[in-house]
């Protein structure tokens, strides 16, 4: 990564709203899940494991930062969805099969779109 790209990314994160940061996290998790699926299909075990680990870390962070005191029902639903995604990531890693990632990606894509709408409305 070039210095200019790194600076741009740092500025983007530093000036983003909380909703925009959540969208960035979803983008990262989706990117890593897609990389893991491609690596699994190509037989690249180490690359698959690293990508799954990164996706797992992002989803775990999203789950850990839920604030049920502000929206208990929404947080309970998100917690369940994040738990489902984490189970699918673990299953894909244990089996070495990208198939469990398909529903995980669908869930994250839908959540990403919802958060992107929130970010757009709160600008």
PDB file of N, CA and C in Angstrom:
ATOM      1  N   UNK A   1       0.850  -1.174   0.000  1.00  0.00           N
ATOM      2  CA  UNK A   1       0.000   0.000   0.000  1.00  0.00           C
ATOM      3  C   UNK A   1       0.893   1.233   0.000  1.00  0.00           C
ATOM      4  N   UNK A   2       0.547   2.187  -0.842  1.00  0.00           N
ATOM      5  CA  UNK A   2       1.353   3.397  -0.932  1.00  0.00           C
ATOM      6  C   UNK A   2       1.061   4.323   0.247  1.00  0.00           C
ATOM      7  N   UNK A   3       1.964   5.245   0.458  1.00  0.00           N
ATOM      8  CA  UNK A   3       1.814   6.217   1.538  1.00  0.00           C
ATOM      9  C   UNK A   3       0.536   7.024   1.352  1.00  0.00           C
ATOM     10  N   UNK A   4       0.265   7.456   0.130  1.00  0.00           N
ATOM     11  CA  UNK A   4      -0.922   8.277  -0.148  1.00  0.00           C
ATOM     12  C   UNK A   4      -2.211   7.516   0.167  1.00  0.00           C
ATOM     13  N   UNK A   5      -2.256   6.244  -0.207  1.00  0.00           N
ATOM     14  CA  UNK A   5      -3.453   5.434   0.072  1.00  0.00           C
ATOM     15  C   UNK A   5      -3.629   5.285   1.575  1.00  0.00           C
ATOM     16  N   UNK A   6      -2.552   5.042   2.286  1.00  0.00           N
ATOM     17  CA  UNK A   6      -2.608   4.917   3.743  1.00  0.00           C
ATOM     18  C   UNK A   6      -3.098   6.195   4.400  1.00  0.00           C
ATOM     19  N   UNK A   7      -2.605   7.327   3.932  1.00  0.00           N
ATOM     20  CA  UNK A   7      -3.045   8.619   4.465  1.00  0.00           C
ATOM     21  C   UNK A   7      -4.528   8.858   4.195  1.00  0.00           C
ATOM     22  N   UNK A   8      -4.966   8.519   2.984  1.00  0.00           N
ATOM     23  CA  UNK A   8      -6.372   8.688   2.617  1.00  0.00           C
ATOM     24  C   UNK A   8      -7.255   7.829   3.522  1.00  0.00           C
ATOM     25  N   UNK A   9      -6.856   6.574   3.719  1.00  0.00           N
ATOM     26  CA  UNK A   9      -7.652   5.684   4.556  1.00  0.00           C
ATOM     27  C   UNK A   9      -7.693   6.176   5.996  1.00  0.00           C
ATOM     28  N   UNK A  10      -6.592   6.650   6.501  1.00  0.00           N
ATOM     29  CA  UNK A  10      -6.549   7.160   7.870  1.00  0.00           C
ATOM     30  C   UNK A  10      -7.456   8.374   8.020  1.00  0.00           C
ATOM     31  N   UNK A  11      -7.420   9.278   7.066  1.00  0.00           N
ATOM     32  CA  UNK A  11      -8.275  10.463   7.102  1.00  0.00           C
ATOM     33  C   UNK A  11      -9.743  10.078   7.018  1.00  0.00           C
ATOM     34  N   UNK A  12     -10.056   9.099   6.178  1.00  0.00           N
ATOM     35  CA  UNK A  12     -11.434   8.645   6.033  1.00  0.00           C
ATOM     36  C   UNK A  12     -11.962   8.120   7.359  1.00  0.00           C
ATOM     37  N   UNK A  13     -11.180   7.319   8.048  1.00  0.00           N
ATOM     38  CA  UNK A  13     -11.608   6.744   9.322  1.00  0.00           C
ATOM     39  C   UNK A  13     -11.720   7.826  10.391  1.00  0.00           C
ATOM     40  N   UNK A  14     -10.768   8.756  10.419  1.00  0.00           N
ATOM     41  CA  UNK A  14     -10.764   9.797  11.442  1.00  0.00           C
ATOM     42  C   UNK A  14     -11.934  10.763  11.301  1.00  0.00           C
ATOM     43  N   UNK A  15     -12.456  10.938  10.095  1.00  0.00           N
ATOM     44  CA  UNK A  15     -13.532  11.902   9.876  1.00  0.00           C
ATOM     45  C   UNK A  15     -14.902  11.250   9.697  1.00  0.00           C
ATOM     46  N   UNK A  16     -14.977   9.952   9.811  1.00  0.00           N
ATOM     47  CA  UNK A  16     -16.234   9.228   9.589  1.00  0.00           C
ATOM     48  C   UNK A  16     -17.132   9.312  10.814  1.00  0.00           C
ATOM     49  N   UNK A  17     -18.434   9.272  10.560  1.00  0.00           N
ATOM     50  CA  UNK A  17     -19.412   9.193  11.644  1.00  0.00           C
ATOM     51  C   UNK A  17     -19.417   7.767  12.193  1.00  0.00           C
ATOM     52  N   UNK A  18     -19.987   7.558  13.373  1.00  0.00           N
ATOM     53  CA  UNK A  18     -20.068   6.192  13.899  1.00  0.00           C
ATOM     54  C   UNK A  18     -20.760   5.225  12.929  1.00  0.00           C
ATOM     55  N   UNK A  19     -21.825   5.655  12.285  1.00  0.00           N
ATOM     56  CA  UNK A  19     -22.530   4.784  11.331  1.00  0.00           C
ATOM     57  C   UNK A  19     -21.644   4.470  10.125  1.00  0.00           C
ATOM     58  N   UNK A  20     -20.881   5.453   9.662  1.00  0.00           N
ATOM     59  CA  UNK A  20     -19.973   5.216   8.544  1.00  0.00           C
ATOM     60  C   UNK A  20     -18.869   4.232   8.931  1.00  0.00           C
ATOM     61  N   UNK A  21     -18.404   4.303  10.173  1.00  0.00           N
ATOM     62  CA  UNK A  21     -17.387   3.361  10.638  1.00  0.00           C
ATOM     63  C   UNK A  21     -17.925   1.936  10.669  1.00  0.00           C
ATOM     64  N   UNK A  22     -19.184   1.786  11.048  1.00  0.00           N
ATOM     65  CA  UNK A  22     -19.796   0.455  11.049  1.00  0.00           C
ATOM     66  C   UNK A  22     -19.841  -0.083   9.617  1.00  0.00           C
ATOM     67  N   UNK A  23     -20.175   0.773   8.668  1.00  0.00           N
ATOM     68  CA  UNK A  23     -20.202   0.357   7.255  1.00  0.00           C
ATOM     69  C   UNK A  23     -18.799  -0.083   6.821  1.00  0.00           C
ATOM     70  N   UNK A  24     -17.780   0.654   7.237  1.00  0.00           N
ATOM     71  CA  UNK A  24     -16.400   0.299   6.901  1.00  0.00           C
ATOM     72  C   UNK A  24     -16.049  -1.075   7.486  1.00  0.00           C
ATOM     73  N   UNK A  25     -16.497  -1.340   8.696  1.00  0.00           N
ATOM     74  CA  UNK A  25     -16.252  -2.655   9.302  1.00  0.00           C
ATOM     75  C   UNK A  25     -16.948  -3.766   8.522  1.00  0.00           C
ATOM     76  N   UNK A  26     -18.189  -3.529   8.132  1.00  0.00           N
ATOM     77  CA  UNK A  26     -18.896  -4.527   7.316  1.00  0.00           C
ATOM     78  C   UNK A  26     -18.159  -4.755   5.998  1.00  0.00           C
ATOM     79  N   UNK A  27     -17.709  -3.673   5.377  1.00  0.00           N
ATOM     80  CA  UNK A  27     -16.960  -3.812   4.115  1.00  0.00           C
ATOM     81  C   UNK A  27     -15.728  -4.689   4.311  1.00  0.00           C
ATOM     82  N   UNK A  28     -15.021  -4.475   5.406  1.00  0.00           N
ATOM     83  CA  UNK A  28     -13.839  -5.276   5.686  1.00  0.00           C
ATOM     84  C   UNK A  28     -14.180  -6.735   5.917  1.00  0.00           C
ATOM     85  N   UNK A  29     -15.198  -6.996   6.713  1.00  0.00           N
ATOM     86  CA  UNK A  29     -15.589  -8.384   6.981  1.00  0.00           C
ATOM     87  C   UNK A  29     -16.006  -9.077   5.692  1.00  0.00           C
ATOM     88  N   UNK A  30     -16.769  -8.392   4.861  1.00  0.00           N
ATOM     89  CA  UNK A  30     -17.194  -8.986   3.586  1.00  0.00           C
ATOM     90  C   UNK A  30     -16.008  -9.239   2.671  1.00  0.00           C
ATOM     91  N   UNK A  31     -15.079  -8.295   2.615  1.00  0.00           N
ATOM     92  CA  UNK A  31     -13.891  -8.474   1.789  1.00  0.00           C
ATOM     93  C   UNK A  31     -13.104  -9.705   2.240  1.00  0.00           C
ATOM     94  N   UNK A  32     -12.920  -9.865   3.544  1.00  0.00           N
ATOM     95  CA  UNK A  32     -12.168 -11.005   4.057  1.00  0.00           C
ATOM     96  C   UNK A  32     -12.912 -12.325   3.841  1.00  0.00           C
ATOM     97  N   UNK A  33     -14.237 -12.315   3.966  1.00  0.00           N
ATOM     98  CA  UNK A  33     -14.989 -13.551   3.703  1.00  0.00           C
ATOM     99  C   UNK A  33     -14.871 -13.964   2.239  1.00  0.00           C
ATOM    100  N   UNK A  34     -14.905 -12.986   1.351  1.00  0.00           N
ATOM    101  CA  UNK A  34     -14.752 -13.300  -0.078  1.00  0.00           C
ATOM    102  C   UNK A  34     -13.334 -13.796  -0.384  1.00  0.00           C
ATOM    103  N   UNK A  35     -12.347 -13.202   0.249  1.00  0.00           N
ATOM    104  CA  UNK A  35     -10.973 -13.665   0.081  1.00  0.00           C
ATOM    105  C   UNK A  35     -10.820 -15.093   0.609  1.00  0.00           C
ATOM    106  N   UNK A  36     -11.456 -15.376   1.731  1.00  0.00           N
ATOM    107  CA  UNK A  36     -11.375 -16.717   2.320  1.00  0.00           C
ATOM    108  C   UNK A  36     -12.020 -17.746   1.399  1.00  0.00           C
ATOM    109  N   UNK A  37     -13.162 -17.400   0.826  1.00  0.00           N
ATOM    110  CA  UNK A  37     -13.841 -18.330  -0.082  1.00  0.00           C
ATOM    111  C   UNK A  37     -12.978 -18.611  -1.304  1.00  0.00           C
ATOM    112  N   UNK A  38     -12.386 -17.574  -1.858  1.00  0.00           N
ATOM    113  CA  UNK A  38     -11.516 -17.751  -3.028  1.00  0.00           C
ATOM    114  C   UNK A  38     -10.290 -18.583  -2.665  1.00  0.00           C
ATOM    115  N   UNK A  39      -9.725 -18.335  -1.501  1.00  0.00           N
ATOM    116  CA  UNK A  39      -8.552 -19.090  -1.070  1.00  0.00           C
ATOM    117  C   UNK A  39      -8.910 -20.559  -0.836  1.00  0.00           C
ATOM    118  N   UNK A  40     -10.078 -20.808  -0.257  1.00  0.00           N
ATOM    119  CA  UNK A  40     -10.515 -22.188  -0.021  1.00  0.00           C
ATOM    120  C   UNK A  40     -10.700 -22.922  -1.342  1.00  0.00           C
ATOM    121  N   UNK A  41     -11.285 -22.245  -2.301  1.00  0.00           N
ATOM    122  CA  UNK A  41     -11.496 -22.868  -3.611  1.00  0.00           C
ATOM    123  C   UNK A  41     -10.170 -23.112  -4.332  1.00  0.00           C
ATOM    124  N   UNK A  42      -9.177 -22.294  -4.039  1.00  0.00           N
ATOM    125  CA  UNK A  42      -7.860 -22.449  -4.661  1.00  0.00           C
ATOM    126  C   UNK A  42      -6.912 -23.327  -3.864  1.00  0.00           C
ATOM    127  N   UNK A  43      -7.394 -23.874  -2.754  1.00  0.00           N
ATOM    128  CA  UNK A  43      -6.557 -24.745  -1.940  1.00  0.00           C
ATOM    129  C   UNK A  43      -5.492 -24.022  -1.141  1.00  0.00           C
ATOM    130  N   UNK A  44      -5.652 -22.724  -0.950  1.00  0.00           N
ATOM    131  CA  UNK A  44      -4.675 -21.928  -0.202  1.00  0.00           C
ATOM    132  C   UNK A  44      -5.094 -21.878   1.269  1.00  0.00           C
ATOM    133  N   UNK A  45      -4.685 -22.888   2.012  1.00  0.00           N
ATOM    134  CA  UNK A  45      -5.152 -23.069   3.388  1.00  0.00           C
ATOM    135  C   UNK A  45      -4.730 -21.924   4.300  1.00  0.00           C
ATOM    136  N   UNK A  46      -3.484 -21.514   4.229  1.00  0.00           N
ATOM    137  CA  UNK A  46      -2.995 -20.443   5.106  1.00  0.00           C
ATOM    138  C   UNK A  46      -3.712 -19.128   4.810  1.00  0.00           C
ATOM    139  N   UNK A  47      -3.864 -18.808   3.545  1.00  0.00           N
ATOM    140  CA  UNK A  47      -4.552 -17.568   3.158  1.00  0.00           C
ATOM    141  C   UNK A  47      -6.014 -17.601   3.610  1.00  0.00           C
ATOM    142  N   UNK A  48      -6.656 -18.771   3.466  1.00  0.00           N
ATOM    143  CA  UNK A  48      -8.041 -18.926   3.922  1.00  0.00           C
ATOM    144  C   UNK A  48      -8.137 -18.667   5.413  1.00  0.00           C
ATOM    145  N   UNK A  49      -7.229 -19.281   6.171  1.00  0.00           N
ATOM    146  CA  UNK A  49      -7.242 -19.116   7.620  1.00  0.00           C
ATOM    147  C   UNK A  49      -7.028 -17.686   8.063  1.00  0.00           C
ATOM    148  N   UNK A  50      -6.107 -16.989   7.409  1.00  0.00           N
ATOM    149  CA  UNK A  50      -5.855 -15.583   7.770  1.00  0.00           C
ATOM    150  C   UNK A  50      -7.070 -14.715   7.477  1.00  0.00           C
ATOM    151  N   UNK A  51      -7.683 -14.918   6.314  1.00  0.00           N
ATOM    152  CA  UNK A  51      -8.858 -14.115   5.947  1.00  0.00           C
ATOM    153  C   UNK A  51     -10.022 -14.412   6.884  1.00  0.00           C
ATOM    154  N   UNK A  52     -10.238 -15.678   7.204  1.00  0.00           N
ATOM    155  CA  UNK A  52     -11.319 -16.028   8.134  1.00  0.00           C
ATOM    156  C   UNK A  52     -11.048 -15.447   9.514  1.00  0.00           C
ATOM    157  N   UNK A  53      -9.804 -15.455   9.933  1.00  0.00           N
ATOM    158  CA  UNK A  53      -9.450 -14.877  11.224  1.00  0.00           C
ATOM    159  C   UNK A  53      -9.741 -13.386  11.290  1.00  0.00           C
ATOM    160  N   UNK A  54      -9.447 -12.698  10.209  1.00  0.00           N
ATOM    161  CA  UNK A  54      -9.709 -11.254  10.168  1.00  0.00           C
ATOM    162  C   UNK A  54     -11.209 -10.968  10.154  1.00  0.00           C
ATOM    163  N   UNK A  55     -11.958 -11.725   9.367  1.00  0.00           N
ATOM    164  CA  UNK A  55     -13.413 -11.549   9.335  1.00  0.00           C
ATOM    165  C   UNK A  55     -13.997 -11.840  10.708  1.00  0.00           C
ATOM    166  N   UNK A  56     -13.518 -12.903  11.340  1.00  0.00           N
ATOM    167  CA  UNK A  56     -13.995 -13.275  12.677  1.00  0.00           C
ATOM    168  C   UNK A  56     -13.724 -12.148  13.672  1.00  0.00           C
ATOM    169  N   UNK A  57     -12.537 -11.556  13.609  1.00  0.00           N
ATOM    170  CA  UNK A  57     -12.183 -10.469  14.522  1.00  0.00           C
ATOM    171  C   UNK A  57     -13.096  -9.259  14.334  1.00  0.00           C
ATOM    172  N   UNK A  58     -13.417  -8.942  13.099  1.00  0.00           N
ATOM    173  CA  UNK A  58     -14.291  -7.788  12.838  1.00  0.00           C
ATOM    174  C   UNK A  58     -15.689  -8.047  13.375  1.00  0.00           C
ATOM    175  N   UNK A  59     -16.241  -9.223  13.090  1.00  0.00           N
ATOM    176  CA  UNK A  59     -17.601  -9.530  13.545  1.00  0.00           C
ATOM    177  C   UNK A  59     -17.634  -9.613  15.070  1.00  0.00           C
ATOM    178  N   UNK A  60     -16.586 -10.147  15.669  1.00  0.00           N
ATOM    179  CA  UNK A  60     -16.504 -10.199  17.131  1.00  0.00           C
ATOM    180  C   UNK A  60     -16.498  -8.786  17.711  1.00  0.00           C
ATOM    181  N   UNK A  61     -15.781  -7.881  17.071  1.00  0.00           N
ATOM    182  CA  UNK A  61     -15.748  -6.488  17.530  1.00  0.00           C
ATOM    183  C   UNK A  61     -17.118  -5.830  17.392  1.00  0.00           C
ATOM    184  N   UNK A  62     -17.786  -6.082  16.272  1.00  0.00           N
ATOM    185  CA  UNK A  62     -19.140  -5.544  16.088  1.00  0.00           C
ATOM    186  C   UNK A  62     -20.059  -6.056  17.197  1.00  0.00           C
ATOM    187  N   UNK A  63     -19.942  -7.338  17.514  1.00  0.00           N
ATOM    188  CA  UNK A  63     -20.778  -7.937  18.541  1.00  0.00           C
ATOM    189  C   UNK A  63     -20.440  -7.364  19.923  1.00  0.00           C
ATOM    190  N   UNK A  64     -19.162  -7.183  20.198  1.00  0.00           N
ATOM    191  CA  UNK A  64     -18.726  -6.707  21.512  1.00  0.00           C
ATOM    192  C   UNK A  64     -19.115  -5.256  21.773  1.00  0.00           C
ATOM    193  N   UNK A  65     -19.313  -4.483  20.717  1.00  0.00           N
ATOM    194  CA  UNK A  65     -19.621  -3.062  20.905  1.00  0.00           C
ATOM    195  C   UNK A  65     -21.117  -2.753  20.893  1.00  0.00           C
ATOM    196  N   UNK A  66     -21.936  -3.791  20.864  1.00  0.00           N
ATOM    197  CA  UNK A  66     -23.377  -3.555  20.964  1.00  0.00           C
ATOM    198  C   UNK A  66     -23.689  -2.899  22.301  1.00  0.00           C
ATOM    199  N   UNK A  67     -24.668  -1.999  22.288  1.00  0.00           N
ATOM    200  CA  UNK A  67     -25.028  -1.281  23.507  1.00  0.00           C
ATOM    201  C   UNK A  67     -26.508  -1.520  23.802  1.00  0.00           C
ATOM    202  N   UNK A  68     -26.828  -2.638  24.453  1.00  0.00           N
ATOM    203  CA  UNK A  68     -28.228  -2.982  24.684  1.00  0.00           C
ATOM    204  C   UNK A  68     -28.982  -1.981  25.550  1.00  0.00           C
ATOM    205  N   UNK A  69     -28.270  -1.162  26.305  1.00  0.00           N
ATOM    206  CA  UNK A  69     -28.965  -0.161  27.123  1.00  0.00           C
ATOM    207  C   UNK A  69     -29.657   0.892  26.270  1.00  0.00           C
ATOM    208  N   UNK A  70     -29.227   1.051  25.031  1.00  0.00           N
ATOM    209  CA  UNK A  70     -29.821   2.042  24.139  1.00  0.00           C
ATOM    210  C   UNK A  70     -30.950   1.464  23.283  1.00  0.00           C
ATOM    211  N   UNK A  71     -30.812   0.220  22.866  1.00  0.00           N
ATOM    212  CA  UNK A  71     -31.821  -0.423  22.008  1.00  0.00           C
ATOM    213  C   UNK A  71     -31.778  -1.937  22.262  1.00  0.00           C
ATOM    214  N   UNK A  72     -32.402  -2.395  23.350  1.00  0.00           N
ATOM    215  CA  UNK A  72     -32.271  -3.793  23.751  1.00  0.00           C
ATOM    216  C   UNK A  72     -32.738  -4.801  22.694  1.00  0.00           C
ATOM    217  N   UNK A  73     -33.870  -4.545  22.071  1.00  0.00           N
ATOM    218  CA  UNK A  73     -34.387  -5.499  21.085  1.00  0.00           C
ATOM    219  C   UNK A  73     -33.497  -5.567  19.848  1.00  0.00           C
ATOM    220  N   UNK A  74     -33.091  -4.423  19.350  1.00  0.00           N
ATOM    221  CA  UNK A  74     -32.210  -4.382  18.180  1.00  0.00           C
ATOM    222  C   UNK A  74     -30.886  -5.072  18.485  1.00  0.00           C
ATOM    223  N   UNK A  75     -30.334  -4.787  19.647  1.00  0.00           N
ATOM    224  CA  UNK A  75     -29.052  -5.403  20.014  1.00  0.00           C
ATOM    225  C   UNK A  75     -29.183  -6.916  20.153  1.00  0.00           C
ATOM    226  N   UNK A  76     -30.293  -7.378  20.683  1.00  0.00           N
ATOM    227  CA  UNK A  76     -30.505  -8.828  20.802  1.00  0.00           C
ATOM    228  C   UNK A  76     -30.564  -9.468  19.418  1.00  0.00           C
ATOM    229  N   UNK A  77     -31.225  -8.806  18.487  1.00  0.00           N
ATOM    230  CA  UNK A  77     -31.306  -9.329  17.123  1.00  0.00           C
ATOM    231  C   UNK A  77     -29.930  -9.324  16.454  1.00  0.00           C
ATOM    232  N   UNK A  78     -29.206  -8.220  16.589  1.00  0.00           N
ATOM    233  CA  UNK A  78     -27.868  -8.135  16.006  1.00  0.00           C
ATOM    234  C   UNK A  78     -26.930  -9.160  16.633  1.00  0.00           C
ATOM    235  N   UNK A  79     -27.038  -9.337  17.948  1.00  0.00           N
ATOM    236  CA  UNK A  79     -26.204 -10.324  18.629  1.00  0.00           C
ATOM    237  C   UNK A  79     -26.447 -11.719  18.056  1.00  0.00           C
ATOM    238  N   UNK A  80     -27.703 -12.048  17.817  1.00  0.00           N
ATOM    239  CA  UNK A  80     -28.031 -13.341  17.230  1.00  0.00           C
ATOM    240  C   UNK A  80     -27.477 -13.479  15.815  1.00  0.00           C
ATOM    241  N   UNK A  81     -27.582 -12.429  15.026  1.00  0.00           N
ATOM    242  CA  UNK A  81     -27.061 -12.469  13.657  1.00  0.00           C
ATOM    243  C   UNK A  81     -25.542 -12.576  13.649  1.00  0.00           C
ATOM    244  N   UNK A  82     -24.885 -11.823  14.520  1.00  0.00           N
ATOM    245  CA  UNK A  82     -23.427 -11.911  14.603  1.00  0.00           C
ATOM    246  C   UNK A  82     -23.003 -13.310  15.060  1.00  0.00           C
ATOM    247  N   UNK A  83     -23.751 -13.873  16.011  1.00  0.00           N
ATOM    248  CA  UNK A  83     -23.459 -15.230  16.455  1.00  0.00           C
ATOM    249  C   UNK A  83     -23.572 -16.235  15.321  1.00  0.00           C
ATOM    250  N   UNK A  84     -24.602 -16.072  14.498  1.00  0.00           N
ATOM    251  CA  UNK A  84     -24.792 -16.938  13.337  1.00  0.00           C
ATOM    252  C   UNK A  84     -23.613 -16.816  12.377  1.00  0.00           C
ATOM    253  N   UNK A  85     -23.209 -15.592  12.088  1.00  0.00           N
ATOM    254  CA  UNK A  85     -22.083 -15.358  11.168  1.00  0.00           C
ATOM    255  C   UNK A  85     -20.805 -15.972  11.736  1.00  0.00           C
ATOM    256  N   UNK A  86     -20.567 -15.803  13.014  1.00  0.00           N
ATOM    257  CA  UNK A  86     -19.370 -16.375  13.632  1.00  0.00           C
ATOM    258  C   UNK A  86     -19.388 -17.904  13.569  1.00  0.00           C
ATOM    259  N   UNK A  87     -20.554 -18.507  13.752  1.00  0.00           N
ATOM    260  CA  UNK A  87     -20.677 -19.969  13.627  1.00  0.00           C
ATOM    261  C   UNK A  87     -20.321 -20.420  12.215  1.00  0.00           C
ATOM    262  N   UNK A  88     -20.797 -19.671  11.213  1.00  0.00           N
ATOM    263  CA  UNK A  88     -20.519 -20.036   9.819  1.00  0.00           C
ATOM    264  C   UNK A  88     -19.042 -19.869   9.489  1.00  0.00           C
ATOM    265  N   UNK A  89     -18.423 -18.844  10.037  1.00  0.00           N
ATOM    266  CA  UNK A  89     -16.984 -18.652   9.820  1.00  0.00           C
ATOM    267  C   UNK A  89     -16.222 -19.831  10.427  1.00  0.00           C
ATOM    268  N   UNK A  90     -16.580 -20.200  11.639  1.00  0.00           N
ATOM    269  CA  UNK A  90     -15.925 -21.325  12.304  1.00  0.00           C
ATOM    270  C   UNK A  90     -16.139 -22.620  11.527  1.00  0.00           C
ATOM    271  N   UNK A  91     -17.367 -22.843  11.074  1.00  0.00           N
ATOM    272  CA  UNK A  91     -17.677 -24.045  10.294  1.00  0.00           C
ATOM    273  C   UNK A  91     -16.852 -24.094   9.008  1.00  0.00           C
ATOM    274  N   UNK A  92     -16.772 -22.969   8.312  1.00  0.00           N
ATOM    275  CA  UNK A  92     -15.992 -22.917   7.073  1.00  0.00           C
ATOM    276  C   UNK A  92     -14.521 -23.200   7.349  1.00  0.00           C
ATOM    277  N   UNK A  93     -14.023 -22.707   8.462  1.00  0.00           N
ATOM    278  CA  UNK A  93     -12.623 -22.921   8.810  1.00  0.00           C
ATOM    279  C   UNK A  93     -12.369 -24.387   9.161  1.00  0.00           C
ATOM    280  N   UNK A  94     -13.245 -24.972   9.958  1.00  0.00           N
ATOM    281  CA  UNK A  94     -13.050 -26.361  10.378  1.00  0.00           C
ATOM    282  C   UNK A  94     -13.185 -27.344   9.218  1.00  0.00           C
ATOM    283  N   UNK A  95     -14.139 -27.082   8.341  1.00  0.00           N
ATOM    284  CA  UNK A  95     -14.380 -27.997   7.219  1.00  0.00           C
ATOM    285  C   UNK A  95     -13.500 -27.703   6.009  1.00  0.00           C
ATOM    286  N   UNK A  96     -12.922 -26.516   5.966  1.00  0.00           N
ATOM    287  CA  UNK A  96     -12.149 -26.122   4.791  1.00  0.00           C
ATOM    288  C   UNK A  96     -13.028 -25.936   3.570  1.00  0.00           C
ATOM    289  N   UNK A  97     -14.289 -25.632   3.819  1.00  0.00           N
ATOM    290  CA  UNK A  97     -15.298 -25.532   2.771  1.00  0.00           C
ATOM    291  C   UNK A  97     -15.882 -24.120   2.773  1.00  0.00           C
ATOM    292  N   UNK A  98     -15.898 -23.445   1.632  1.00  0.00           N
ATOM    293  CA  UNK A  98     -16.437 -22.085   1.611  1.00  0.00           C
ATOM    294  C   UNK A  98     -17.965 -22.017   1.630  1.00  0.00           C
ATOM    295  N   UNK A  99     -18.652 -23.137   1.471  1.00  0.00           N
ATOM    296  CA  UNK A  99     -20.125 -23.122   1.406  1.00  0.00           C
ATOM    297  C   UNK A  99     -20.789 -22.454   2.607  1.00  0.00           C
ATOM    298  N   UNK A 100     -20.346 -22.677   3.838  1.00  0.00           N
ATOM    299  CA  UNK A 100     -21.001 -22.010   4.974  1.00  0.00           C
ATOM    300  C   UNK A 100     -20.872 -20.488   4.954  1.00  0.00           C
ATOM    301  N   UNK A 101     -19.947 -19.977   4.145  1.00  0.00           N
ATOM    302  CA  UNK A 101     -19.767 -18.528   4.095  1.00  0.00           C
ATOM    303  C   UNK A 101     -20.867 -17.834   3.299  1.00  0.00           C
ATOM    304  N   UNK A 102     -21.560 -18.573   2.434  1.00  0.00           N
ATOM    305  CA  UNK A 102     -22.593 -17.968   1.591  1.00  0.00           C
ATOM    306  C   UNK A 102     -23.687 -17.305   2.441  1.00  0.00           C
ATOM    307  N   UNK A 103     -24.294 -18.008   3.410  1.00  0.00           N
ATOM    308  CA  UNK A 103     -25.313 -17.326   4.212  1.00  0.00           C
ATOM    309  C   UNK A 103     -24.724 -16.235   5.110  1.00  0.00           C
ATOM    310  N   UNK A 104     -23.483 -16.404   5.541  1.00  0.00           N
ATOM    311  CA  UNK A 104     -22.838 -15.372   6.362  1.00  0.00           C
ATOM    312  C   UNK A 104     -22.673 -14.082   5.563  1.00  0.00           C
ATOM    313  N   UNK A 105     -22.255 -14.221   4.316  1.00  0.00           N
ATOM    314  CA  UNK A 105     -22.093 -13.055   3.449  1.00  0.00           C
ATOM    315  C   UNK A 105     -23.439 -12.386   3.215  1.00  0.00           C
ATOM    316  N   UNK A 106     -24.476 -13.169   2.992  1.00  0.00           N
ATOM    317  CA  UNK A 106     -25.809 -12.586   2.766  1.00  0.00           C
ATOM    318  C   UNK A 106     -26.274 -11.774   3.967  1.00  0.00           C
ATOM    319  N   UNK A 107     -26.071 -12.311   5.160  1.00  0.00           N
ATOM    320  CA  UNK A 107     -26.463 -11.592   6.378  1.00  0.00           C
ATOM    321  C   UNK A 107     -25.695 -10.286   6.483  1.00  0.00           C
ATOM    322  N   UNK A 108     -24.385 -10.352   6.305  1.00  0.00           N
ATOM    323  CA  UNK A 108     -23.573  -9.137   6.430  1.00  0.00           C
ATOM    324  C   UNK A 108     -23.878  -8.122   5.340  1.00  0.00           C
ATOM    325  N   UNK A 109     -24.186  -8.583   4.142  1.00  0.00           N
ATOM    326  CA  UNK A 109     -24.553  -7.647   3.063  1.00  0.00           C
ATOM    327  C   UNK A 109     -25.830  -6.897   3.415  1.00  0.00           C
ATOM    328  N   UNK A 110     -26.799  -7.601   3.962  1.00  0.00           N
ATOM    329  CA  UNK A 110     -28.058  -6.946   4.335  1.00  0.00           C
ATOM    330  C   UNK A 110     -27.845  -5.949   5.475  1.00  0.00           C
ATOM    331  N   UNK A 111     -27.060  -6.342   6.464  1.00  0.00           N
ATOM    332  CA  UNK A 111     -26.765  -5.420   7.565  1.00  0.00           C
ATOM    333  C   UNK A 111     -25.976  -4.216   7.072  1.00  0.00           C
ATOM    334  N   UNK A 112     -25.044  -4.448   6.169  1.00  0.00           N
ATOM    335  CA  UNK A 112     -24.251  -3.356   5.617  1.00  0.00           C
ATOM    336  C   UNK A 112     -25.138  -2.342   4.900  1.00  0.00           C
ATOM    337  N   UNK A 113     -26.076  -2.837   4.117  1.00  0.00           N
ATOM    338  CA  UNK A 113     -26.982  -1.941   3.396  1.00  0.00           C
ATOM    339  C   UNK A 113     -27.836  -1.121   4.363  1.00  0.00           C
ATOM    340  N   UNK A 114     -28.296  -1.753   5.426  1.00  0.00           N
ATOM    341  CA  UNK A 114     -29.096  -1.030   6.423  1.00  0.00           C
ATOM    342  C   UNK A 114     -28.266   0.065   7.085  1.00  0.00           C
ATOM    343  N   UNK A 115     -27.035  -0.255   7.462  1.00  0.00           N
ATOM    344  CA  UNK A 115     -26.173   0.743   8.082  1.00  0.00           C
ATOM    345  C   UNK A 115     -25.758   1.835   7.106  1.00  0.00           C
ATOM    346  N   UNK A 116     -25.579   1.481   5.850  1.00  0.00           N
ATOM    347  CA  UNK A 116     -25.244   2.493   4.839  1.00  0.00           C
ATOM    348  C   UNK A 116     -26.393   3.495   4.716  1.00  0.00           C
ATOM    349  N   UNK A 117     -27.613   3.012   4.802  1.00  0.00           N
ATOM    350  CA  UNK A 117     -28.785   3.898   4.751  1.00  0.00           C
ATOM    351  C   UNK A 117     -28.807   4.806   5.976  1.00  0.00           C
ATOM    352  N   UNK A 118     -28.531   4.257   7.131  1.00  0.00           N
ATOM    353  CA  UNK A 118     -28.467   5.068   8.360  1.00  0.00           C
ATOM    354  C   UNK A 118     -27.377   6.134   8.222  1.00  0.00           C
ATOM    355  N   UNK A 119     -26.213   5.746   7.731  1.00  0.00           N
ATOM    356  CA  UNK A 119     -25.112   6.694   7.565  1.00  0.00           C
ATOM    357  C   UNK A 119     -25.488   7.809   6.599  1.00  0.00           C
ATOM    358  N   UNK A 120     -26.195   7.438   5.540  1.00  0.00           N
ATOM    359  CA  UNK A 120     -26.605   8.426   4.550  1.00  0.00           C
ATOM    360  C   UNK A 120     -27.615   9.413   5.149  1.00  0.00           C
ATOM    361  N   UNK A 121     -28.527   8.912   5.959  1.00  0.00           N
ATOM    362  CA  UNK A 121     -29.568   9.762   6.548  1.00  0.00           C
ATOM    363  C   UNK A 121     -29.053  10.640   7.674  1.00  0.00           C
ATOM    364  N   UNK A 122     -27.947  10.269   8.281  1.00  0.00           N
ATOM    365  CA  UNK A 122     -27.441  11.038   9.434  1.00  0.00           C
ATOM    366  C   UNK A 122     -26.314  11.994   9.054  1.00  0.00           C
ATOM    367  N   UNK A 123     -26.073  12.172   7.779  1.00  0.00           N
ATOM    368  CA  UNK A 123     -25.024  13.112   7.351  1.00  0.00           C
ATOM    369  C   UNK A 123     -25.425  14.529   7.616  1.00  0.00           C
TER     370      UNK A 123
END
